[in-house]
């Protein structure tokens, strides 16, 4: 009997341990929030982790499996340019220059995975698993993997770092499992159509602008080399060589060029419809770092000019504001507007005033193309006692 009792006890302990491990392995909904840009809802985001927490530093330094899900709710969708800008700016503000430089190639790869405009009801997911890096998917279609232990933390800092793109969004996903039931129900109902999922699956067959540019350069080099070889062969040949052969070679080259051009036109026709906002130059590690370091420097200028309104202090009013800033190549302020407003008008006005006082900004570096440049400035007005 004693032996049977010991065996049963061991089985019980093993089963308890197995159940505990299974429960711990299941992702838990840590928090959920809506991201607002230009006064409109863009997506509902959720953070899942194996252990719940309301501490940003604890999550950022954790090695546990985690997942972020973003469900697009903007009726017109989100352009890849805008989506990319959020991450580039958020990572620039919340990560060290050394880490940005180290992960530049991974950031370029991340940006290049998205080949089309995000549509309403799309689900974008970033899943981190220790030693396996980050899997990036849209509508459960795996687009790629970033094999780095540091990359998920960089993405997460965009939203829960020291200077998040939205303080309200940060508070929502750091809610320790306490989620608004109405928002959760809305989130759960958002699902892409089968047709849309099939369309996203085709993104992997669409060449990125960088790939197309590289292929064109290789084709050009091959043509020049072939033509040079043909010319050299002709000049070294005796006068009896039939010059018609050279003409035939040139004709073949012209024919190949026409075929390549036709193939490029077909590839463009097969790509998702784009608009001017989607037509962005391909990012390189150099241009991406130039953008990030430039934005970081301009934000320092703006933060140095922030003044807490006296009346807001007297009334203990706090809030967060995000300003969209547009400058020309010389750094002159072209315009500014509120991308996400605080409930306190005084704070909104103070944020706009800080931007106005910060001009002129630095001239755009050569690595940043375009006649104008747009970035956002997140500002948080917090009382010292908070």
Foldseek 3Di string as FASTA:
>chain_A
DVVVVVVVVVVVVVVVVVVVVVLLLDWAWQFKDFDFFQRHTFWIKTKTWSAHALDLVCVLPDQTKMKMKTAGAPQAAAALLVVLQLLLQLLLQFDDLVVLLVCLVVSLVVSQLDQGTGHHLKMWMWIQHPQAAIFTDILPQTSDGDRDSNVVSSSVSCDQGPFHLFPRRSSGNSRRRDYDPVVVVVVVPRHDDPVVVVLSNCSNVADGLVVVVVVVVVLVVVLVVQLVVLVVVVVPDDPPDDCVVNVVSVVVSVVVVVVVVVVVVVSVVSGDDDDPSNPDHRDDSVLSSLVSVQSNVLLVLLVVQQDDDPVCVVVQHWWKWKKKWKAFQQQATPDIDTTDDTPDVSNVVSSVVSNVVSPSGHGRDPSDDDGMDMHMHMDIGHDPVD
